[in-house]
Amino acid sequence: MIHPLRSKLCVFLFLFLSLGLKAQKEGVETAGNNEQIKYSNLDSWWSRTVKESRLIGGQEITYFEPGPSAAEYQNIEGTLDGLTPWATSNVRAEVGVAAANQSVYREPRGHGYCARLETNLKKVVVLGVVNVKAIASGSMFLGTMEDPITDPNNPRHNTFMGIPFTHAPVALAFDYKVQLGQKRQNATGGFRVKDIDGPDEAEVYMILQNRTEDEHGNLKVKRIGTAWQRFKQNQDTWVNGHQVPVIYGDATNHRDYQPFMNLISEADPYYAKNSQGKRVSYIEEAWCDDTSQITHAIIVFSASYEGGAYIGSPDSRLWVDNIQLIYD
């Protein structure tokens, strides 16, 4: 007989692994003729407090996320709609019980802060009986997510990737160091943890898109720019000003193209809200090389490249700081 609490816990643990985002509003600031993403130096953070159900221990957890640092934005209960373009995989779920997952942390660096992204093997024990496990990859990105998550069937359904953006940078730059686990695991919210062949890899990417909307509210999306890198080796000391160049137009023709850089497809569609505020799914229908048509940017940092498939190493860590867009 299946313990009655197991089904509830399996449900909300699936939710931890969605690519959560928290702000699709205006998220850029102008420096000269260049657009930069707000709070991208990662020295300013807001915080919120999430309290888990007493059934699973009743812990009170404080999340820190890039955004305004004034006192009124500390230890709040909700989210900051429109005040920061950045979001993390620190999510809150309410499916039978209230639960929290923390996989992104504010960490001191010099006179400010950086972000530490961790892949965790989340474990929940209820009354000493149920021990449910799930791999949750630490990630930080641009966009918005409806919070709390209540739908277990499609974790990406609550996430709206990207923010409005119109410029054409030549590279994505950032400081980083990385620790990669050599033993990956697959845990999807049940009792079992499965070993997966191959070491883990951290991932960073930026996608520049053109989005238009038809008369029915459906999004028509083209890929204009692609900057993508997976990290395969440990880097124990900080690398400052690392750059990932943007490939404009059809990336499949570029010498550095890898299959994971391809267009968003029906196998894993993304979601956005249309002009009527309705949730719609979309794919990228074609490549485009006209930089004047850029309307949106997606940027993602992740400690495990297959975290969305509940696969990663609990030993993987990615540190990120001083994110910057480079222009000619």
C-alpha atoms as a PDB file:
ATOM      1  CA  MET A   1       0.000   0.000   0.000  1.00  0.00           C
ATOM      2  CA  ILE A   2       1.343   3.447  -0.913  1.00  0.00           C
ATOM      3  CA  HIS A   3       1.639   5.791   2.033  1.00  0.00           C
ATOM      4  CA  PRO A   4      -0.971   8.570   1.554  1.00  0.00           C
ATOM      5  CA  LEU A   5       1.643  11.279   2.069  1.00  0.00           C
ATOM      6  CA  ARG A   6       3.921   9.982  -0.641  1.00  0.00           C
ATOM      7  CA  SER A   7       1.750  11.105  -3.547  1.00  0.00           C
ATOM      8  CA  LYS A   8       1.557  14.674  -2.244  1.00  0.00           C
ATOM      9  CA  LEU A   9       5.294  14.879  -1.696  1.00  0.00           C
ATOM     10  CA  CYS A  10       6.149  13.392  -5.071  1.00  0.00           C
ATOM     11  CA  VAL A  11       3.891  15.990  -6.652  1.00  0.00           C
ATOM     12  CA  PHE A  12       5.505  19.062  -5.164  1.00  0.00           C
ATOM     13  CA  LEU A  13       9.066  17.799  -5.537  1.00  0.00           C
ATOM     14  CA  PHE A  14       8.549  17.743  -9.300  1.00  0.00           C
ATOM     15  CA  LEU A  15       7.848  21.452  -9.031  1.00  0.00           C
ATOM     16  CA  PHE A  16      11.255  22.313  -7.588  1.00  0.00           C
ATOM     17  CA  LEU A  17      12.927  21.505 -10.854  1.00  0.00           C
ATOM     18  CA  SER A  18      11.092  23.943 -13.072  1.00  0.00           C
ATOM     19  CA  LEU A  19      13.047  26.861 -14.458  1.00  0.00           C
ATOM     20  CA  GLY A  20      11.475  29.459 -12.204  1.00  0.00           C
ATOM     21  CA  LEU A  21      11.635  33.124 -13.114  1.00  0.00           C
ATOM     22  CA  LYS A  22      10.347  36.226 -11.421  1.00  0.00           C
ATOM     23  CA  ALA A  23      10.030  39.373 -13.507  1.00  0.00           C
ATOM     24  CA  GLN A  24       9.225  39.973 -17.145  1.00  0.00           C
ATOM     25  CA  LYS A  25       8.819  43.735 -16.714  1.00  0.00           C
ATOM     26  CA  GLU A  26      11.387  46.313 -17.822  1.00  0.00           C
ATOM     27  CA  GLY A  27      14.733  44.983 -16.673  1.00  0.00           C
ATOM     28  CA  VAL A  28      17.383  47.015 -18.501  1.00  0.00           C
ATOM     29  CA  GLU A  29      19.282  50.196 -17.784  1.00  0.00           C
ATOM     30  CA  THR A  30      21.238  52.324 -20.228  1.00  0.00           C
ATOM     31  CA  ALA A  31      24.972  53.025 -19.881  1.00  0.00           C
ATOM     32  CA  GLY A  32      25.970  55.290 -22.754  1.00  0.00           C
ATOM     33  CA  ASN A  33      24.479  53.657 -25.850  1.00  0.00           C
ATOM     34  CA  ASN A  34      24.518  50.201 -24.286  1.00  0.00           C
ATOM     35  CA  GLU A  35      21.794  48.337 -22.489  1.00  0.00           C
ATOM     36  CA  GLN A  36      22.739  46.374 -19.378  1.00  0.00           C
ATOM     37  CA  ILE A  37      20.546  44.150 -17.219  1.00  0.00           C
ATOM     38  CA  LYS A  38      19.570  45.682 -13.887  1.00  0.00           C
ATOM     39  CA  TYR A  39      21.261  44.265 -10.770  1.00  0.00           C
ATOM     40  CA  SER A  40      23.681  42.293 -12.944  1.00  0.00           C
ATOM     41  CA  ASN A  41      26.695  43.102 -10.745  1.00  0.00           C
ATOM     42  CA  LEU A  42      24.959  40.891  -8.116  1.00  0.00           C
ATOM     43  CA  ASP A  43      25.789  43.241  -5.232  1.00  0.00           C
ATOM     44  CA  SER A  44      22.132  44.078  -4.525  1.00  0.00           C
ATOM     45  CA  TRP A  45      19.709  41.421  -3.234  1.00  0.00           C
ATOM     46  CA  TRP A  46      16.190  41.248  -1.846  1.00  0.00           C
ATOM     47  CA  SER A  47      14.959  38.453   0.402  1.00  0.00           C
ATOM     48  CA  ARG A  48      11.774  36.605   1.201  1.00  0.00           C
ATOM     49  CA  THR A  49      10.787  34.123   3.859  1.00  0.00           C
ATOM     50  CA  VAL A  50       9.063  30.830   3.072  1.00  0.00           C
ATOM     51  CA  LYS A  51       7.639  28.656   5.807  1.00  0.00           C
ATOM     52  CA  GLU A  52       7.144  24.974   5.123  1.00  0.00           C
ATOM     53  CA  SER A  53       4.192  22.957   6.440  1.00  0.00           C
ATOM     54  CA  ARG A  54       4.509  21.565   9.931  1.00  0.00           C
ATOM     55  CA  LEU A  55       3.881  18.157   8.404  1.00  0.00           C
ATOM     56  CA  ILE A  56       7.379  18.220   6.892  1.00  0.00           C
ATOM     57  CA  GLY A  57       9.109  20.008   9.760  1.00  0.00           C
ATOM     58  CA  GLY A  58       7.800  23.572   9.601  1.00  0.00           C
ATOM     59  CA  GLN A  59      11.152  25.138   8.731  1.00  0.00           C
ATOM     60  CA  GLU A  60      11.347  28.833   7.919  1.00  0.00           C
ATOM     61  CA  ILE A  61      13.699  29.451   4.983  1.00  0.00           C
ATOM     62  CA  THR A  62      15.019  32.798   3.744  1.00  0.00           C
ATOM     63  CA  TYR A  63      15.713  33.182   0.042  1.00  0.00           C
ATOM     64  CA  PHE A  64      18.059  35.868  -1.285  1.00  0.00           C
ATOM     65  CA  GLU A  65      17.664  36.896  -4.923  1.00  0.00           C
ATOM     66  CA  PRO A  66      19.158  39.674  -7.113  1.00  0.00           C
ATOM     67  CA  GLY A  67      17.118  42.865  -6.884  1.00  0.00           C
ATOM     68  CA  PRO A  68      16.568  45.987  -4.765  1.00  0.00           C
ATOM     69  CA  SER A  69      18.295  45.902  -1.373  1.00  0.00           C
ATOM     70  CA  ALA A  70      16.320  48.533   0.554  1.00  0.00           C
ATOM     71  CA  ALA A  71      14.889  47.520   3.935  1.00  0.00           C
ATOM     72  CA  GLU A  72      11.325  47.305   2.629  1.00  0.00           C
ATOM     73  CA  TYR A  73      12.418  44.515   0.262  1.00  0.00           C
ATOM     74  CA  GLN A  74      13.819  42.246   2.964  1.00  0.00           C
ATOM     75  CA  ASN A  75      12.070  39.224   4.508  1.00  0.00           C
ATOM     76  CA  ILE A  76       8.890  39.805   2.541  1.00  0.00           C
ATOM     77  CA  GLU A  77       6.379  37.018   2.018  1.00  0.00           C
ATOM     78  CA  GLY A  78       5.591  37.417  -1.661  1.00  0.00           C
ATOM     79  CA  THR A  79       7.513  38.229  -4.837  1.00  0.00           C
ATOM     80  CA  LEU A  80       8.698  41.468  -6.430  1.00  0.00           C
ATOM     81  CA  ASP A  81       6.593  41.935  -9.543  1.00  0.00           C
ATOM     82  CA  GLY A  82       8.393  44.155 -12.013  1.00  0.00           C
ATOM     83  CA  LEU A  83      11.146  45.358  -9.663  1.00  0.00           C
ATOM     84  CA  THR A  84      13.872  42.946 -10.776  1.00  0.00           C
ATOM     85  CA  PRO A  85      14.442  41.056 -14.027  1.00  0.00           C
ATOM     86  CA  TRP A  86      16.354  38.262 -12.279  1.00  0.00           C
ATOM     87  CA  ALA A  87      14.950  35.083 -10.801  1.00  0.00           C
ATOM     88  CA  THR A  88      16.254  31.853  -9.355  1.00  0.00           C
ATOM     89  CA  SER A  89      15.280  28.240  -8.800  1.00  0.00           C
ATOM     90  CA  ASN A  90      14.465  29.068  -5.178  1.00  0.00           C
ATOM     91  CA  VAL A  91      10.804  28.132  -5.560  1.00  0.00           C
ATOM     92  CA  ARG A  92       7.766  27.755  -3.332  1.00  0.00           C
ATOM     93  CA  ALA A  93       5.185  25.047  -3.923  1.00  0.00           C
ATOM     94  CA  GLU A  94       1.745  24.451  -2.455  1.00  0.00           C
ATOM     95  CA  VAL A  95       0.369  21.059  -3.434  1.00  0.00           C
ATOM     96  CA  GLY A  96      -1.190  19.461  -0.381  1.00  0.00           C
ATOM     97  CA  VAL A  97       1.668  20.815   1.727  1.00  0.00           C
ATOM     98  CA  ALA A  98       3.751  23.997   1.549  1.00  0.00           C
ATOM     99  CA  ALA A  99       7.370  23.268   0.649  1.00  0.00           C
ATOM    100  CA  ALA A 100      10.504  25.198  -0.270  1.00  0.00           C
ATOM    101  CA  ASN A 101      13.611  24.445  -2.278  1.00  0.00           C
ATOM    102  CA  GLN A 102      16.780  26.492  -1.934  1.00  0.00           C
ATOM    103  CA  SER A 103      19.512  26.021  -4.534  1.00  0.00           C
ATOM    104  CA  VAL A 104      20.782  29.588  -5.133  1.00  0.00           C
ATOM    105  CA  TYR A 105      22.611  31.533  -2.431  1.00  0.00           C
ATOM    106  CA  ARG A 106      24.000  35.016  -1.907  1.00  0.00           C
ATOM    107  CA  GLU A 107      27.691  34.694  -1.047  1.00  0.00           C
ATOM    108  CA  PRO A 108      30.145  37.441   0.015  1.00  0.00           C
ATOM    109  CA  ARG A 109      32.851  38.321  -2.490  1.00  0.00           C
ATOM    110  CA  GLY A 110      35.221  41.223  -1.927  1.00  0.00           C
ATOM    111  CA  HIS A 111      33.205  44.251  -0.866  1.00  0.00           C
ATOM    112  CA  GLY A 112      30.000  42.873  -2.391  1.00  0.00           C
ATOM    113  CA  TYR A 113      28.341  39.590  -3.262  1.00  0.00           C
ATOM    114  CA  CYS A 114      28.191  36.880  -5.900  1.00  0.00           C
ATOM    115  CA  ALA A 115      25.683  34.098  -6.620  1.00  0.00           C
ATOM    116  CA  ARG A 116      26.399  30.471  -5.710  1.00  0.00           C
ATOM    117  CA  LEU A 117      24.284  27.955  -7.628  1.00  0.00           C
ATOM    118  CA  GLU A 118      24.130  24.428  -6.218  1.00  0.00           C
ATOM    119  CA  THR A 119      22.647  21.175  -7.417  1.00  0.00           C
ATOM    120  CA  ASN A 120      20.956  19.478  -4.474  1.00  0.00           C
ATOM    121  CA  LEU A 121      19.472  16.098  -3.761  1.00  0.00           C
ATOM    122  CA  LYS A 122      16.339  17.303  -2.029  1.00  0.00           C
ATOM    123  CA  LYS A 123      15.105  14.949   0.683  1.00  0.00           C
ATOM    124  CA  VAL A 124      11.855  15.199   2.611  1.00  0.00           C
ATOM    125  CA  VAL A 125      11.081  13.025   5.627  1.00  0.00           C
ATOM    126  CA  VAL A 126       7.565  13.075   7.085  1.00  0.00           C
ATOM    127  CA  LEU A 127       6.967  11.692  10.550  1.00  0.00           C
ATOM    128  CA  GLY A 128       9.963   9.427  10.072  1.00  0.00           C
ATOM    129  CA  VAL A 129       8.076   7.430   7.439  1.00  0.00           C
ATOM    130  CA  VAL A 130       8.328   9.013   3.990  1.00  0.00           C
ATOM    131  CA  ASN A 131      11.703   9.858   2.471  1.00  0.00           C
ATOM    132  CA  VAL A 132      11.169  11.417  -0.957  1.00  0.00           C
ATOM    133  CA  LYS A 133      14.144  12.515  -3.066  1.00  0.00           C
ATOM    134  CA  ALA A 134      14.568  14.832  -6.061  1.00  0.00           C
ATOM    135  CA  ILE A 135      17.502  16.421  -7.869  1.00  0.00           C
ATOM    136  CA  ALA A 136      17.155  20.215  -7.993  1.00  0.00           C
ATOM    137  CA  SER A 137      19.673  22.168 -10.066  1.00  0.00           C
ATOM    138  CA  GLY A 138      20.547  25.691  -8.961  1.00  0.00           C
ATOM    139  CA  SER A 139      19.786  28.200 -11.701  1.00  0.00           C
ATOM    140  CA  MET A 140      19.443  31.958 -12.179  1.00  0.00           C
ATOM    141  CA  PHE A 141      17.769  33.569 -15.175  1.00  0.00           C
ATOM    142  CA  LEU A 142      15.701  36.343 -16.723  1.00  0.00           C
ATOM    143  CA  GLY A 143      11.916  36.254 -16.886  1.00  0.00           C
ATOM    144  CA  THR A 144       9.007  35.616 -14.556  1.00  0.00           C
ATOM    145  CA  MET A 145       7.229  32.778 -12.755  1.00  0.00           C
ATOM    146  CA  GLU A 146       3.821  32.510 -11.158  1.00  0.00           C
ATOM    147  CA  ASP A 147       4.332  31.793  -7.473  1.00  0.00           C
ATOM    148  CA  PRO A 148       3.415  29.594  -5.680  1.00  0.00           C
ATOM    149  CA  ILE A 149       3.541  26.615  -8.018  1.00  0.00           C
ATOM    150  CA  THR A 150       0.424  24.484  -7.760  1.00  0.00           C
ATOM    151  CA  ASP A 151       0.391  22.480 -11.014  1.00  0.00           C
ATOM    152  CA  PRO A 152       2.593  19.362 -10.874  1.00  0.00           C
ATOM    153  CA  ASN A 153       1.983  18.153 -14.417  1.00  0.00           C
ATOM    154  CA  ASN A 154       4.092  20.647 -16.347  1.00  0.00           C
ATOM    155  CA  PRO A 155       6.710  22.506 -14.285  1.00  0.00           C
ATOM    156  CA  ARG A 156       7.646  24.834 -17.160  1.00  0.00           C
ATOM    157  CA  HIS A 157       3.975  25.832 -17.421  1.00  0.00           C
ATOM    158  CA  ASN A 158       4.487  28.442 -14.679  1.00  0.00           C
ATOM    159  CA  THR A 159       7.638  29.945 -16.149  1.00  0.00           C
ATOM    160  CA  PHE A 160       7.784  32.763 -18.675  1.00  0.00           C
ATOM    161  CA  MET A 161      11.291  32.959 -20.067  1.00  0.00           C
ATOM    162  CA  GLY A 162      12.880  36.251 -21.106  1.00  0.00           C
ATOM    163  CA  ILE A 163      12.496  40.014 -20.749  1.00  0.00           C
ATOM    164  CA  PRO A 164      11.943  42.815 -23.297  1.00  0.00           C
ATOM    165  CA  PHE A 165      15.272  43.748 -24.901  1.00  0.00           C
ATOM    166  CA  THR A 166      16.248  45.432 -28.174  1.00  0.00           C
ATOM    167  CA  HIS A 167      20.049  45.797 -28.464  1.00  0.00           C
ATOM    168  CA  ALA A 168      22.591  43.483 -30.130  1.00  0.00           C
ATOM    169  CA  PRO A 169      25.560  42.640 -27.873  1.00  0.00           C
ATOM    170  CA  VAL A 170      28.527  40.761 -29.296  1.00  0.00           C
ATOM    171  CA  ALA A 171      29.130  38.693 -26.153  1.00  0.00           C
ATOM    172  CA  LEU A 172      27.863  37.771 -22.709  1.00  0.00           C
ATOM    173  CA  ALA A 173      30.547  38.394 -20.048  1.00  0.00           C
ATOM    174  CA  PHE A 174      30.748  37.338 -16.393  1.00  0.00           C
ATOM    175  CA  ASP A 175      33.097  36.243 -13.620  1.00  0.00           C
ATOM    176  CA  TYR A 176      32.877  32.586 -12.660  1.00  0.00           C
ATOM    177  CA  LYS A 177      34.327  29.578 -10.933  1.00  0.00           C
ATOM    178  CA  VAL A 178      32.917  26.075 -11.080  1.00  0.00           C
ATOM    179  CA  GLN A 179      33.023  22.746  -9.277  1.00  0.00           C
ATOM    180  CA  LEU A 180      31.645  19.817 -11.274  1.00  0.00           C
ATOM    181  CA  GLY A 181      30.480  16.555  -9.748  1.00  0.00           C
ATOM    182  CA  GLN A 182      31.728  13.378 -11.399  1.00  0.00           C
ATOM    183  CA  LYS A 183      28.780  11.184 -10.426  1.00  0.00           C
ATOM    184  CA  ARG A 184      25.380  12.239 -11.709  1.00  0.00           C
ATOM    185  CA  GLN A 185      22.071  11.059 -10.338  1.00  0.00           C
ATOM    186  CA  ASN A 186      18.480  10.981 -11.516  1.00  0.00           C
ATOM    187  CA  ALA A 187      15.830  11.517  -8.833  1.00  0.00           C
ATOM    188  CA  THR A 188      12.320  12.556  -9.811  1.00  0.00           C
ATOM    189  CA  GLY A 189      10.443  12.763  -6.532  1.00  0.00           C
ATOM    190  CA  GLY A 190      10.130   9.124  -5.490  1.00  0.00           C
ATOM    191  CA  PHE A 191      12.081   6.843  -3.217  1.00  0.00           C
ATOM    192  CA  ARG A 192      14.673   5.768  -5.784  1.00  0.00           C
ATOM    193  CA  VAL A 193      17.850   7.512  -6.887  1.00  0.00           C
ATOM    194  CA  LYS A 194      19.348   6.259 -10.163  1.00  0.00           C
ATOM    195  CA  ASP A 195      23.013   6.646 -11.104  1.00  0.00           C
ATOM    196  CA  ILE A 196      23.639   8.272 -14.518  1.00  0.00           C
ATOM    197  CA  ASP A 197      26.754   7.788 -16.618  1.00  0.00           C
ATOM    198  CA  GLY A 198      29.059  10.706 -17.275  1.00  0.00           C
ATOM    199  CA  PRO A 199      30.250  13.727 -15.293  1.00  0.00           C
ATOM    200  CA  ASP A 200      28.144  16.818 -14.766  1.00  0.00           C
ATOM    201  CA  GLU A 201      28.512  20.063 -16.716  1.00  0.00           C
ATOM    202  CA  ALA A 202      27.490  23.602 -15.798  1.00  0.00           C
ATOM    203  CA  GLU A 203      25.692  25.663 -18.427  1.00  0.00           C
ATOM    204  CA  VAL A 204      25.370  29.329 -19.399  1.00  0.00           C
ATOM    205  CA  TYR A 205      23.401  30.650 -22.348  1.00  0.00           C
ATOM    206  CA  MET A 206      21.805  33.746 -23.828  1.00  0.00           C
ATOM    207  CA  ILE A 207      19.117  33.669 -26.525  1.00  0.00           C
ATOM    208  CA  LEU A 208      18.048  36.796 -28.433  1.00  0.00           C
ATOM    209  CA  GLN A 209      14.607  36.498 -30.021  1.00  0.00           C
ATOM    210  CA  ASN A 210      12.068  38.248 -32.171  1.00  0.00           C
ATOM    211  CA  ARG A 211       8.532  37.733 -30.848  1.00  0.00           C
ATOM    212  CA  THR A 212       5.359  38.786 -32.632  1.00  0.00           C
ATOM    213  CA  GLU A 213       1.730  37.956 -31.901  1.00  0.00           C
ATOM    214  CA  ASP A 214      -1.016  36.957 -34.328  1.00  0.00           C
ATOM    215  CA  GLU A 215      -4.691  37.890 -34.137  1.00  0.00           C
ATOM    216  CA  HIS A 216      -5.406  34.821 -32.005  1.00  0.00           C
ATOM    217  CA  GLY A 217      -2.817  35.681 -29.341  1.00  0.00           C
ATOM    218  CA  ASN A 218      -0.307  33.047 -30.476  1.00  0.00           C
ATOM    219  CA  LEU A 219       3.381  33.948 -30.399  1.00  0.00           C
ATOM    220  CA  LYS A 220       5.529  33.710 -33.506  1.00  0.00           C
ATOM    221  CA  VAL A 221       9.171  33.485 -32.428  1.00  0.00           C
ATOM    222  CA  LYS A 222      12.436  33.581 -34.367  1.00  0.00           C
ATOM    223  CA  ARG A 223      15.984  33.064 -33.018  1.00  0.00           C
ATOM    224  CA  ILE A 224      18.328  35.938 -33.824  1.00  0.00           C
ATOM    225  CA  GLY A 225      21.297  35.484 -31.468  1.00  0.00           C
ATOM    226  CA  THR A 226      22.809  32.542 -29.593  1.00  0.00           C
ATOM    227  CA  ALA A 227      25.555  32.543 -26.935  1.00  0.00           C
ATOM    228  CA  TRP A 228      25.997  29.153 -25.251  1.00  0.00           C
ATOM    229  CA  GLN A 229      28.681  27.365 -23.263  1.00  0.00           C
ATOM    230  CA  ARG A 230      28.868  24.224 -21.180  1.00  0.00           C
ATOM    231  CA  PHE A 231      31.698  23.948 -18.656  1.00  0.00           C
ATOM    232  CA  LYS A 232      33.354  20.530 -18.564  1.00  0.00           C
ATOM    233  CA  GLN A 233      36.271  21.167 -16.178  1.00  0.00           C
ATOM    234  CA  ASN A 234      36.635  22.456 -12.644  1.00  0.00           C
ATOM    235  CA  GLN A 235      37.828  26.018 -12.184  1.00  0.00           C
ATOM    236  CA  ASP A 236      38.760  26.541  -8.524  1.00  0.00           C
ATOM    237  CA  THR A 237      39.811  30.198  -8.767  1.00  0.00           C
ATOM    238  CA  TRP A 238      37.835  33.078 -10.183  1.00  0.00           C
ATOM    239  CA  VAL A 239      37.999  33.780 -13.912  1.00  0.00           C
ATOM    240  CA  ASN A 240      37.115  37.436 -14.377  1.00  0.00           C
ATOM    241  CA  GLY A 241      35.502  38.868 -17.490  1.00  0.00           C
ATOM    242  CA  HIS A 242      34.953  35.545 -19.234  1.00  0.00           C
ATOM    243  CA  GLN A 243      33.129  36.085 -22.539  1.00  0.00           C
ATOM    244  CA  VAL A 244      30.761  33.854 -24.504  1.00  0.00           C
ATOM    245  CA  PRO A 245      30.396  35.291 -28.037  1.00  0.00           C
ATOM    246  CA  VAL A 246      26.997  35.733 -29.658  1.00  0.00           C
ATOM    247  CA  ILE A 247      26.365  33.889 -32.935  1.00  0.00           C
ATOM    248  CA  TYR A 248      23.880  35.828 -35.070  1.00  0.00           C
ATOM    249  CA  GLY A 249      21.704  34.070 -37.606  1.00  0.00           C
ATOM    250  CA  ASP A 250      21.701  30.321 -38.217  1.00  0.00           C
ATOM    251  CA  ALA A 251      24.003  28.910 -35.526  1.00  0.00           C
ATOM    252  CA  THR A 252      24.036  25.476 -37.193  1.00  0.00           C
ATOM    253  CA  ASN A 253      26.400  26.904 -39.830  1.00  0.00           C
ATOM    254  CA  HIS A 254      28.924  28.127 -37.255  1.00  0.00           C
ATOM    255  CA  ARG A 255      32.081  26.173 -36.434  1.00  0.00           C
ATOM    256  CA  ASP A 256      31.278  26.270 -32.703  1.00  0.00           C
ATOM    257  CA  TYR A 257      27.723  24.961 -33.073  1.00  0.00           C
ATOM    258  CA  GLN A 258      26.596  22.159 -30.763  1.00  0.00           C
ATOM    259  CA  PRO A 259      23.218  20.339 -30.966  1.00  0.00           C
ATOM    260  CA  PHE A 260      22.081  21.747 -27.614  1.00  0.00           C
ATOM    261  CA  MET A 261      22.201  25.234 -29.179  1.00  0.00           C
ATOM    262  CA  ASN A 262      19.367  24.458 -31.602  1.00  0.00           C
ATOM    263  CA  LEU A 263      15.967  26.150 -31.794  1.00  0.00           C
ATOM    264  CA  ILE A 264      13.355  25.674 -29.067  1.00  0.00           C
ATOM    265  CA  SER A 265      11.225  22.801 -30.358  1.00  0.00           C
ATOM    266  CA  GLU A 266       7.931  21.051 -29.722  1.00  0.00           C
ATOM    267  CA  ALA A 267       9.810  18.482 -27.623  1.00  0.00           C
ATOM    268  CA  ASP A 268      10.319  21.149 -24.938  1.00  0.00           C
ATOM    269  CA  PRO A 269       8.323  24.325 -25.682  1.00  0.00           C
ATOM    270  CA  TYR A 270       8.728  27.501 -23.658  1.00  0.00           C
ATOM    271  CA  TYR A 271       5.900  29.640 -22.250  1.00  0.00           C
ATOM    272  CA  ALA A 272       5.112  33.344 -22.205  1.00  0.00           C
ATOM    273  CA  LYS A 273       2.151  35.633 -21.578  1.00  0.00           C
ATOM    274  CA  ASN A 274       0.624  37.318 -24.603  1.00  0.00           C
ATOM    275  CA  SER A 275      -0.740  40.870 -24.813  1.00  0.00           C
ATOM    276  CA  GLN A 276      -3.998  39.724 -23.175  1.00  0.00           C
ATOM    277  CA  GLY A 277      -2.095  38.292 -20.212  1.00  0.00           C
ATOM    278  CA  LYS A 278      -2.847  34.705 -21.263  1.00  0.00           C
ATOM    279  CA  ARG A 279      -0.302  31.909 -20.963  1.00  0.00           C
ATOM    280  CA  VAL A 280       0.749  30.514 -24.341  1.00  0.00           C
ATOM    281  CA  SER A 281       3.381  27.989 -25.352  1.00  0.00           C
ATOM    282  CA  TYR A 282       5.751  28.644 -28.214  1.00  0.00           C
ATOM    283  CA  ILE A 283       8.591  27.205 -30.250  1.00  0.00           C
ATOM    284  CA  GLU A 284      11.209  29.021 -32.299  1.00  0.00           C
ATOM    285  CA  GLU A 285      10.099  28.699 -35.901  1.00  0.00           C
ATOM    286  CA  ALA A 286      13.211  29.894 -37.733  1.00  0.00           C
ATOM    287  CA  TRP A 287      16.625  31.520 -37.593  1.00  0.00           C
ATOM    288  CA  CYS A 288      16.962  35.227 -38.351  1.00  0.00           C
ATOM    289  CA  ASP A 289      20.028  37.466 -38.782  1.00  0.00           C
ATOM    290  CA  ASP A 290      18.310  40.875 -38.657  1.00  0.00           C
ATOM    291  CA  THR A 291      19.467  42.353 -35.332  1.00  0.00           C
ATOM    292  CA  SER A 292      17.038  45.273 -35.683  1.00  0.00           C
ATOM    293  CA  GLN A 293      14.225  42.806 -34.959  1.00  0.00           C
ATOM    294  CA  ILE A 294      15.419  41.778 -31.470  1.00  0.00           C
ATOM    295  CA  THR A 295      12.568  42.092 -28.966  1.00  0.00           C
ATOM    296  CA  HIS A 296      13.513  39.749 -26.092  1.00  0.00           C
ATOM    297  CA  ALA A 297      16.507  38.274 -24.304  1.00  0.00           C
ATOM    298  CA  ILE A 298      16.806  35.076 -22.272  1.00  0.00           C
ATOM    299  CA  ILE A 299      19.848  34.530 -20.034  1.00  0.00           C
ATOM    300  CA  VAL A 300      20.311  31.369 -17.966  1.00  0.00           C
ATOM    301  CA  PHE A 301      23.016  30.194 -15.555  1.00  0.00           C
ATOM    302  CA  SER A 302      22.723  26.595 -14.297  1.00  0.00           C
ATOM    303  CA  ALA A 303      24.898  24.356 -12.110  1.00  0.00           C
ATOM    304  CA  SER A 304      23.767  21.219 -14.003  1.00  0.00           C
ATOM    305  CA  TYR A 305      23.004  21.190 -17.710  1.00  0.00           C
ATOM    306  CA  GLU A 306      20.309  18.501 -17.408  1.00  0.00           C
ATOM    307  CA  GLY A 307      18.757  19.816 -14.224  1.00  0.00           C
ATOM    308  CA  GLY A 308      15.414  20.242 -15.973  1.00  0.00           C
ATOM    309  CA  ALA A 309      15.352  16.476 -16.498  1.00  0.00           C
ATOM    310  CA  TYR A 310      16.008  15.875 -12.768  1.00  0.00           C
ATOM    311  CA  ILE A 311      19.607  14.867 -13.546  1.00  0.00           C
ATOM    312  CA  GLY A 312      22.737  16.300 -11.937  1.00  0.00           C
ATOM    313  CA  SER A 313      25.426  15.833  -9.343  1.00  0.00           C
ATOM    314  CA  PRO A 314      24.927  17.000  -5.739  1.00  0.00           C
ATOM    315  CA  ASP A 315      28.605  17.977  -5.870  1.00  0.00           C
ATOM    316  CA  SER A 316      28.124  20.571  -8.631  1.00  0.00           C
ATOM    317  CA  ARG A 317      28.502  24.275  -7.870  1.00  0.00           C
ATOM    318  CA  LEU A 318      28.632  27.331 -10.136  1.00  0.00           C
ATOM    319  CA  TRP A 319      29.618  30.776  -8.852  1.00  0.00           C
ATOM    320  CA  VAL A 320      28.694  33.829 -10.955  1.00  0.00           C
ATOM    321  CA  ASP A 321      29.381  37.545 -10.586  1.00  0.00           C
ATOM    322  CA  ASN A 322      29.513  40.820 -12.559  1.00  0.00           C
ATOM    323  CA  ILE A 323      27.302  39.834 -15.499  1.00  0.00           C
ATOM    324  CA  GLN A 324      27.741  42.221 -18.417  1.00  0.00           C
ATOM    325  CA  LEU A 325      26.717  42.549 -22.052  1.00  0.00           C
ATOM    326  CA  ILE A 326      29.597  43.441 -24.382  1.00  0.00           C
ATOM    327  CA  TYR A 327      29.021  45.709 -27.398  1.00  0.00           C
ATOM    328  CA  ASP A 328      31.190  46.771 -30.334  1.00  0.00           C
END
